[in-house]
Amino acid sequence: MDRELAQIRGRDLARAGLPALPKLIVQSGDRASWRFLEFFTANIRNKNTRAAYAHAVGQFFDWADKRGIRDIREFNPVLIAGYVENHPGAAPTVKQHLAAIRMLFDWLVIGQIVPMNPANSVRGPRHVVKRGKTPVLRAEEARLLLDSINTESVIGLRDRAIIATMVFSFARISAVVGLKLEDYYQNGKRWWIRLHEKGGKRHEVPSHHALEAYLDAYISAAGIGEEKKGPLFRTAN
């Protein structure tokens, strides 16, 4: 087993974004080393998440090694809570590091390396975002932007309709570009927009009268009014 680990170590550790297996993992035996490698190389597919979690876990095991921990089965909630309490990072960083530790130990529990997850009962620091990071256009800025679009072509009418849909519905870009013609529909005297959000959720919002005018102008110029199952916003071709 040691020889096999040595053969795969360079390739898989590079893939995982780790310079070397943590000393504590090596000391815990070959099964722990294999499971640790699988956590990063087989379980986490997103390379950015893998790199962030590798950094978090590496920092955690360095901290534990300096405190004389020699086997991963020695960890308990008190030790994990001590690490979280004394972490020098900002609250979002600490929460991410704790998430990485929890996820790793879940993986080790499933692999029967440790009997329980010592991080499950540990709470991270509170972090409340009081102000969103997404900038919001003021009414006059939105009007200026929409009025600046050249609408002498179908493409211009389409672009104005797309931007107006985002402005008046506060929808995500992916939800707007994924709209079908049937998602712009009349209900009583009002026209509505049916947005398809993450996780299969649907969100229906009433259409602003200005948005109705922009959408109607685009649909009429594009000649797609009868294609209810087709995409609402289409490429130039």
C-alpha atoms as a PDB file:
ATOM      1  CA  MET A   1       0.000   0.000   0.000  1.00  0.00           C
ATOM      2  CA  ASP A   2       2.830   2.436   0.829  1.00  0.00           C
ATOM      3  CA  ARG A   3       4.359   1.873  -2.598  1.00  0.00           C
ATOM      4  CA  GLU A   4       1.043   2.482  -4.366  1.00  0.00           C
ATOM      5  CA  LEU A   5       0.528   5.687  -2.399  1.00  0.00           C
ATOM      6  CA  ALA A   6       3.989   6.861  -3.350  1.00  0.00           C
ATOM      7  CA  GLN A   7       3.269   6.198  -7.031  1.00  0.00           C
ATOM      8  CA  ILE A   8       0.022   8.160  -7.132  1.00  0.00           C
ATOM      9  CA  ARG A   9       1.040  10.871  -4.692  1.00  0.00           C
ATOM     10  CA  GLY A  10       2.605  13.315  -7.137  1.00  0.00           C
ATOM     11  CA  ARG A  11      -0.165  13.148  -9.742  1.00  0.00           C
ATOM     12  CA  ASP A  12      -3.173  13.152  -7.431  1.00  0.00           C
ATOM     13  CA  LEU A  13      -1.846  15.696  -4.971  1.00  0.00           C
ATOM     14  CA  ALA A  14      -1.126  18.092  -7.829  1.00  0.00           C
ATOM     15  CA  ARG A  15      -4.688  17.541  -9.057  1.00  0.00           C
ATOM     16  CA  ALA A  16      -6.024  18.214  -5.575  1.00  0.00           C
ATOM     17  CA  GLY A  17      -3.955  21.369  -5.222  1.00  0.00           C
ATOM     18  CA  LEU A  18      -2.035  19.988  -2.239  1.00  0.00           C
ATOM     19  CA  PRO A  19       1.766  20.148  -1.961  1.00  0.00           C
ATOM     20  CA  ALA A  20       1.878  16.988   0.189  1.00  0.00           C
ATOM     21  CA  LEU A  21      -0.265  14.740   2.343  1.00  0.00           C
ATOM     22  CA  PRO A  22      -0.668  16.327   5.777  1.00  0.00           C
ATOM     23  CA  LYS A  23       1.623  14.731   8.337  1.00  0.00           C
ATOM     24  CA  LEU A  24      -1.322  13.878  10.548  1.00  0.00           C
ATOM     25  CA  ILE A  25      -3.045  11.979   7.722  1.00  0.00           C
ATOM     26  CA  VAL A  26       0.112   9.967   6.981  1.00  0.00           C
ATOM     27  CA  GLN A  27       0.463   9.092  10.649  1.00  0.00           C
ATOM     28  CA  SER A  28      -3.132   7.827  10.688  1.00  0.00           C
ATOM     29  CA  GLY A  29      -2.343   5.040   8.213  1.00  0.00           C
ATOM     30  CA  ASP A  30      -2.720   4.057   4.580  1.00  0.00           C
ATOM     31  CA  ARG A  31      -6.519   3.780   4.633  1.00  0.00           C
ATOM     32  CA  ALA A  32      -6.799   7.316   5.950  1.00  0.00           C
ATOM     33  CA  SER A  33      -4.353   8.523   3.277  1.00  0.00           C
ATOM     34  CA  TRP A  34      -6.318   6.867   0.489  1.00  0.00           C
ATOM     35  CA  ARG A  35      -9.597   8.256   1.770  1.00  0.00           C
ATOM     36  CA  PHE A  36      -8.103  11.732   2.093  1.00  0.00           C
ATOM     37  CA  LEU A  37      -6.915  11.612  -1.527  1.00  0.00           C
ATOM     38  CA  GLU A  38     -10.309  10.397  -2.716  1.00  0.00           C
ATOM     39  CA  PHE A  39     -12.028  13.283  -0.938  1.00  0.00           C
ATOM     40  CA  PHE A  40     -10.219  15.821  -3.092  1.00  0.00           C
ATOM     41  CA  THR A  41      -9.720  13.922  -6.352  1.00  0.00           C
ATOM     42  CA  ALA A  42     -12.992  12.004  -6.659  1.00  0.00           C
ATOM     43  CA  ASN A  43     -15.499  13.774  -4.425  1.00  0.00           C
ATOM     44  CA  ILE A  44     -14.899  17.476  -5.212  1.00  0.00           C
ATOM     45  CA  ARG A  45     -15.244  18.144  -8.936  1.00  0.00           C
ATOM     46  CA  ASN A  46     -15.090  21.947  -9.016  1.00  0.00           C
ATOM     47  CA  LYS A  47     -11.440  23.002  -9.164  1.00  0.00           C
ATOM     48  CA  ASN A  48     -12.023  26.285  -7.336  1.00  0.00           C
ATOM     49  CA  THR A  49     -13.832  24.540  -4.480  1.00  0.00           C
ATOM     50  CA  ARG A  50     -11.097  21.908  -4.411  1.00  0.00           C
ATOM     51  CA  ALA A  51      -8.365  24.522  -4.127  1.00  0.00           C
ATOM     52  CA  ALA A  52     -10.206  26.459  -1.405  1.00  0.00           C
ATOM     53  CA  TYR A  53     -10.958  23.333   0.630  1.00  0.00           C
ATOM     54  CA  ALA A  54      -7.403  22.044   0.191  1.00  0.00           C
ATOM     55  CA  HIS A  55      -6.052  25.290   1.622  1.00  0.00           C
ATOM     56  CA  ALA A  56      -8.542  25.199   4.505  1.00  0.00           C
ATOM     57  CA  VAL A  57      -7.846  21.570   5.415  1.00  0.00           C
ATOM     58  CA  GLY A  58      -4.089  21.995   5.083  1.00  0.00           C
ATOM     59  CA  GLN A  59      -4.137  24.952   7.459  1.00  0.00           C
ATOM     60  CA  PHE A  60      -6.286  23.001   9.915  1.00  0.00           C
ATOM     61  CA  PHE A  61      -3.971  19.985  10.000  1.00  0.00           C
ATOM     62  CA  ASP A  62      -0.907  22.217  10.424  1.00  0.00           C
ATOM     63  CA  TRP A  63      -2.632  23.754  13.449  1.00  0.00           C
ATOM     64  CA  ALA A  64      -3.424  20.307  14.870  1.00  0.00           C
ATOM     65  CA  ASP A  65       0.111  19.007  14.313  1.00  0.00           C
ATOM     66  CA  LYS A  66       1.567  21.903  16.272  1.00  0.00           C
ATOM     67  CA  ARG A  67      -0.685  20.949  19.179  1.00  0.00           C
ATOM     68  CA  GLY A  68       0.550  17.382  19.338  1.00  0.00           C
ATOM     69  CA  ILE A  69      -2.340  15.594  17.606  1.00  0.00           C
ATOM     70  CA  ARG A  70      -0.954  12.396  16.081  1.00  0.00           C
ATOM     71  CA  ASP A  71      -4.055  10.572  14.867  1.00  0.00           C
ATOM     72  CA  ILE A  72      -7.268  11.889  13.287  1.00  0.00           C
ATOM     73  CA  ARG A  73      -9.293   9.754  15.720  1.00  0.00           C
ATOM     74  CA  GLU A  74      -8.114  12.079  18.505  1.00  0.00           C
ATOM     75  CA  PHE A  75     -10.251  14.969  17.255  1.00  0.00           C
ATOM     76  CA  ASN A  76     -13.328  15.975  19.229  1.00  0.00           C
ATOM     77  CA  PRO A  77     -15.791  18.908  19.150  1.00  0.00           C
ATOM     78  CA  VAL A  78     -13.817  20.825  21.788  1.00  0.00           C
ATOM     79  CA  LEU A  79     -10.660  20.808  19.650  1.00  0.00           C
ATOM     80  CA  ILE A  80     -12.566  21.844  16.513  1.00  0.00           C
ATOM     81  CA  ALA A  81     -14.321  24.626  18.441  1.00  0.00           C
ATOM     82  CA  GLY A  82     -10.936  25.824  19.694  1.00  0.00           C
ATOM     83  CA  TYR A  83      -9.635  26.003  16.163  1.00  0.00           C
ATOM     84  CA  VAL A  84     -12.680  27.977  15.000  1.00  0.00           C
ATOM     85  CA  GLU A  85     -12.539  30.312  18.004  1.00  0.00           C
ATOM     86  CA  ASN A  86      -8.873  31.185  17.426  1.00  0.00           C
ATOM     87  CA  HIS A  87      -8.942  31.314  13.637  1.00  0.00           C
ATOM     88  CA  PRO A  88      -7.393  34.609  12.473  1.00  0.00           C
ATOM     89  CA  GLY A  89      -9.568  34.922   9.366  1.00  0.00           C
ATOM     90  CA  ALA A  90     -12.714  36.962   8.814  1.00  0.00           C
ATOM     91  CA  ALA A  91     -16.089  35.352   9.524  1.00  0.00           C
ATOM     92  CA  PRO A  92     -16.766  34.222   5.913  1.00  0.00           C
ATOM     93  CA  THR A  93     -13.317  32.595   5.760  1.00  0.00           C
ATOM     94  CA  VAL A  94     -13.810  30.819   9.076  1.00  0.00           C
ATOM     95  CA  LYS A  95     -17.221  29.534   7.965  1.00  0.00           C
ATOM     96  CA  GLN A  96     -15.722  28.209   4.739  1.00  0.00           C
ATOM     97  CA  HIS A  97     -12.880  26.481   6.618  1.00  0.00           C
ATOM     98  CA  LEU A  98     -15.334  24.882   9.028  1.00  0.00           C
ATOM     99  CA  ALA A  99     -17.451  23.687   6.097  1.00  0.00           C
ATOM    100  CA  ALA A 100     -14.372  22.078   4.536  1.00  0.00           C
ATOM    101  CA  ILE A 101     -13.485  20.320   7.804  1.00  0.00           C
ATOM    102  CA  ARG A 102     -17.060  19.075   8.267  1.00  0.00           C
ATOM    103  CA  MET A 103     -17.214  17.763   4.718  1.00  0.00           C
ATOM    104  CA  LEU A 104     -13.862  15.989   5.030  1.00  0.00           C
ATOM    105  CA  PHE A 105     -14.821  14.268   8.274  1.00  0.00           C
ATOM    106  CA  ASP A 106     -18.180  13.232   6.794  1.00  0.00           C
ATOM    107  CA  TRP A 107     -16.205  11.567   4.025  1.00  0.00           C
ATOM    108  CA  LEU A 108     -13.920   9.869   6.560  1.00  0.00           C
ATOM    109  CA  VAL A 109     -16.925   8.631   8.574  1.00  0.00           C
ATOM    110  CA  ILE A 110     -18.526   7.128   5.460  1.00  0.00           C
ATOM    111  CA  GLY A 111     -15.202   5.458   4.664  1.00  0.00           C
ATOM    112  CA  GLN A 112     -15.110   4.040   8.226  1.00  0.00           C
ATOM    113  CA  ILE A 113     -11.872   5.844   9.032  1.00  0.00           C
ATOM    114  CA  VAL A 114     -13.304   7.660  12.060  1.00  0.00           C
ATOM    115  CA  PRO A 115     -16.417   6.707  14.083  1.00  0.00           C
ATOM    116  CA  MET A 116     -18.003  10.185  14.204  1.00  0.00           C
ATOM    117  CA  ASN A 117     -17.697  13.669  12.779  1.00  0.00           C
ATOM    118  CA  PRO A 118     -16.214  15.908  15.510  1.00  0.00           C
ATOM    119  CA  ALA A 119     -17.145  19.079  13.591  1.00  0.00           C
ATOM    120  CA  ASN A 120     -20.881  18.406  13.287  1.00  0.00           C
ATOM    121  CA  SER A 121     -21.863  20.103  16.535  1.00  0.00           C
ATOM    122  CA  VAL A 122     -19.454  23.042  16.168  1.00  0.00           C
ATOM    123  CA  ARG A 123     -21.032  26.322  15.152  1.00  0.00           C
ATOM    124  CA  GLY A 124     -19.241  28.872  13.039  1.00  0.00           C
ATOM    125  CA  PRO A 125     -19.252  32.629  13.591  1.00  0.00           C
ATOM    126  CA  ARG A 126     -22.320  34.621  12.672  1.00  0.00           C
ATOM    127  CA  HIS A 127     -22.031  36.482   9.419  1.00  0.00           C
ATOM    128  CA  VAL A 128     -24.945  38.557   8.204  1.00  0.00           C
ATOM    129  CA  VAL A 129     -24.719  40.422   4.919  1.00  0.00           C
ATOM    130  CA  LYS A 130     -26.651  43.609   5.553  1.00  0.00           C
ATOM    131  CA  ARG A 131     -26.085  45.027   2.135  1.00  0.00           C
ATOM    132  CA  GLY A 132     -26.057  43.093  -1.114  1.00  0.00           C
ATOM    133  CA  LYS A 133     -23.042  43.224  -3.377  1.00  0.00           C
ATOM    134  CA  THR A 134     -25.077  43.447  -6.587  1.00  0.00           C
ATOM    135  CA  PRO A 135     -25.356  47.076  -7.711  1.00  0.00           C
ATOM    136  CA  VAL A 136     -28.883  48.312  -8.418  1.00  0.00           C
ATOM    137  CA  LEU A 137     -29.650  50.935 -11.035  1.00  0.00           C
ATOM    138  CA  ARG A 138     -31.575  53.994  -9.956  1.00  0.00           C
ATOM    139  CA  ALA A 139     -34.752  54.759 -11.920  1.00  0.00           C
ATOM    140  CA  GLU A 140     -33.135  57.586 -13.892  1.00  0.00           C
ATOM    141  CA  GLU A 141     -30.098  55.410 -14.675  1.00  0.00           C
ATOM    142  CA  ALA A 142     -32.311  52.598 -15.931  1.00  0.00           C
ATOM    143  CA  ARG A 143     -34.289  55.014 -18.111  1.00  0.00           C
ATOM    144  CA  LEU A 144     -31.099  56.494 -19.540  1.00  0.00           C
ATOM    145  CA  LEU A 145     -29.747  53.023 -20.324  1.00  0.00           C
ATOM    146  CA  LEU A 146     -32.930  51.850 -22.049  1.00  0.00           C
ATOM    147  CA  ASP A 147     -33.297  55.071 -24.034  1.00  0.00           C
ATOM    148  CA  SER A 148     -29.709  54.833 -25.241  1.00  0.00           C
ATOM    149  CA  ILE A 149     -30.302  51.566 -27.128  1.00  0.00           C
ATOM    150  CA  ASN A 150     -30.691  51.876 -30.891  1.00  0.00           C
ATOM    151  CA  THR A 151     -34.043  50.221 -31.640  1.00  0.00           C
ATOM    152  CA  GLU A 152     -34.027  50.609 -35.418  1.00  0.00           C
ATOM    153  CA  SER A 153     -33.306  46.880 -35.778  1.00  0.00           C
ATOM    154  CA  VAL A 154     -34.739  43.688 -34.312  1.00  0.00           C
ATOM    155  CA  ILE A 155     -31.466  43.172 -32.416  1.00  0.00           C
ATOM    156  CA  GLY A 156     -31.849  46.550 -30.730  1.00  0.00           C
ATOM    157  CA  LEU A 157     -35.455  45.838 -29.831  1.00  0.00           C
ATOM    158  CA  ARG A 158     -34.402  42.474 -28.419  1.00  0.00           C
ATOM    159  CA  ASP A 159     -31.565  43.960 -26.347  1.00  0.00           C
ATOM    160  CA  ARG A 160     -33.851  46.641 -24.931  1.00  0.00           C
ATOM    161  CA  ALA A 161     -36.433  43.987 -24.030  1.00  0.00           C
ATOM    162  CA  ILE A 162     -33.804  41.802 -22.321  1.00  0.00           C
ATOM    163  CA  ILE A 163     -32.440  44.657 -20.232  1.00  0.00           C
ATOM    164  CA  ALA A 164     -35.939  45.882 -19.388  1.00  0.00           C
ATOM    165  CA  THR A 165     -36.914  42.383 -18.221  1.00  0.00           C
ATOM    166  CA  MET A 166     -33.948  42.318 -15.844  1.00  0.00           C
ATOM    167  CA  VAL A 167     -34.583  45.871 -14.639  1.00  0.00           C
ATOM    168  CA  PHE A 168     -38.303  45.439 -13.947  1.00  0.00           C
ATOM    169  CA  SER A 169     -38.251  41.855 -12.614  1.00  0.00           C
ATOM    170  CA  PHE A 170     -34.877  41.856 -10.780  1.00  0.00           C
ATOM    171  CA  ALA A 171     -34.299  38.423 -12.334  1.00  0.00           C
ATOM    172  CA  ARG A 172     -30.990  36.653 -12.792  1.00  0.00           C
ATOM    173  CA  ILE A 173     -29.483  36.774 -16.287  1.00  0.00           C
ATOM    174  CA  SER A 174     -29.755  32.990 -16.696  1.00  0.00           C
ATOM    175  CA  ALA A 175     -33.469  33.109 -15.811  1.00  0.00           C
ATOM    176  CA  VAL A 176     -34.108  35.870 -18.355  1.00  0.00           C
ATOM    177  CA  VAL A 177     -32.246  34.302 -21.280  1.00  0.00           C
ATOM    178  CA  GLY A 178     -33.987  31.006 -20.531  1.00  0.00           C
ATOM    179  CA  LEU A 179     -37.480  32.457 -20.987  1.00  0.00           C
ATOM    180  CA  LYS A 180     -39.784  30.934 -23.568  1.00  0.00           C
ATOM    181  CA  LEU A 181     -42.449  32.896 -25.393  1.00  0.00           C
ATOM    182  CA  GLU A 182     -45.140  31.154 -23.332  1.00  0.00           C
ATOM    183  CA  ASP A 183     -43.513  32.523 -20.165  1.00  0.00           C
ATOM    184  CA  TYR A 184     -44.797  35.966 -21.170  1.00  0.00           C
ATOM    185  CA  TYR A 185     -48.527  35.513 -20.811  1.00  0.00           C
ATOM    186  CA  GLN A 186     -51.764  37.347 -20.058  1.00  0.00           C
ATOM    187  CA  ASN A 187     -53.726  36.678 -16.877  1.00  0.00           C
ATOM    188  CA  GLY A 188     -56.858  38.777 -16.653  1.00  0.00           C
ATOM    189  CA  LYS A 189     -55.995  42.346 -17.557  1.00  0.00           C
ATOM    190  CA  ARG A 190     -52.310  41.991 -16.639  1.00  0.00           C
ATOM    191  CA  TRP A 191     -49.378  40.461 -18.459  1.00  0.00           C
ATOM    192  CA  TRP A 192     -46.994  38.337 -16.420  1.00  0.00           C
ATOM    193  CA  ILE A 193     -43.462  36.951 -16.632  1.00  0.00           C
ATOM    194  CA  ARG A 194     -42.830  33.373 -15.483  1.00  0.00           C
ATOM    195  CA  LEU A 195     -39.197  33.006 -14.368  1.00  0.00           C
ATOM    196  CA  HIS A 196     -37.556  29.619 -13.965  1.00  0.00           C
ATOM    197  CA  GLU A 197     -35.166  29.834 -11.018  1.00  0.00           C
ATOM    198  CA  LYS A 198     -32.592  27.461  -9.537  1.00  0.00           C
ATOM    199  CA  GLY A 199     -33.768  24.102  -8.274  1.00  0.00           C
ATOM    200  CA  GLY A 200     -36.735  23.991 -10.669  1.00  0.00           C
ATOM    201  CA  LYS A 201     -38.570  26.773  -8.844  1.00  0.00           C
ATOM    202  CA  ARG A 202     -40.905  29.086 -10.749  1.00  0.00           C
ATOM    203  CA  HIS A 203     -41.394  32.737  -9.919  1.00  0.00           C
ATOM    204  CA  GLU A 204     -44.183  34.719 -11.556  1.00  0.00           C
ATOM    205  CA  VAL A 205     -44.119  38.509 -11.541  1.00  0.00           C
ATOM    206  CA  PRO A 206     -46.500  41.062 -13.070  1.00  0.00           C
ATOM    207  CA  SER A 207     -45.107  42.893 -16.073  1.00  0.00           C
ATOM    208  CA  HIS A 208     -44.575  46.641 -15.831  1.00  0.00           C
ATOM    209  CA  HIS A 209     -46.462  48.573 -18.524  1.00  0.00           C
ATOM    210  CA  ALA A 210     -43.184  49.804 -20.002  1.00  0.00           C
ATOM    211  CA  LEU A 211     -41.836  46.250 -20.123  1.00  0.00           C
ATOM    212  CA  GLU A 212     -45.000  45.132 -21.934  1.00  0.00           C
ATOM    213  CA  ALA A 213     -44.416  47.782 -24.572  1.00  0.00           C
ATOM    214  CA  TYR A 214     -40.773  46.741 -25.057  1.00  0.00           C
ATOM    215  CA  LEU A 215     -41.590  43.030 -25.246  1.00  0.00           C
ATOM    216  CA  ASP A 216     -44.529  43.542 -27.609  1.00  0.00           C
ATOM    217  CA  ALA A 217     -42.419  45.686 -29.949  1.00  0.00           C
ATOM    218  CA  TYR A 218     -39.659  43.080 -30.047  1.00  0.00           C
ATOM    219  CA  ILE A 219     -41.982  40.077 -30.511  1.00  0.00           C
ATOM    220  CA  SER A 220     -43.870  41.833 -33.306  1.00  0.00           C
ATOM    221  CA  ALA A 221     -40.692  42.863 -35.159  1.00  0.00           C
ATOM    222  CA  ALA A 222     -39.162  39.396 -34.771  1.00  0.00           C
ATOM    223  CA  GLY A 223     -42.338  37.690 -36.019  1.00  0.00           C
ATOM    224  CA  ILE A 224     -42.263  35.021 -33.324  1.00  0.00           C
ATOM    225  CA  GLY A 225     -45.673  35.649 -31.752  1.00  0.00           C
ATOM    226  CA  GLU A 226     -47.034  32.191 -32.595  1.00  0.00           C
ATOM    227  CA  GLU A 227     -43.988  30.197 -31.469  1.00  0.00           C
ATOM    228  CA  LYS A 228     -45.118  29.762 -27.870  1.00  0.00           C
ATOM    229  CA  LYS A 229     -42.741  26.890 -27.120  1.00  0.00           C
ATOM    230  CA  GLY A 230     -39.737  28.650 -28.626  1.00  0.00           C
ATOM    231  CA  PRO A 231     -37.217  30.840 -26.806  1.00  0.00           C
ATOM    232  CA  LEU A 232     -38.301  34.415 -26.173  1.00  0.00           C
ATOM    233  CA  PHE A 233     -34.886  35.970 -26.714  1.00  0.00           C
ATOM    234  CA  ARG A 234     -33.008  34.648 -29.745  1.00  0.00           C
ATOM    235  CA  THR A 235     -29.642  35.095 -31.418  1.00  0.00           C
ATOM    236  CA  ALA A 236     -29.171  37.509 -34.290  1.00  0.00           C
ATOM    237  CA  ASN A 237     -29.369  34.630 -36.769  1.00  0.00           C
END
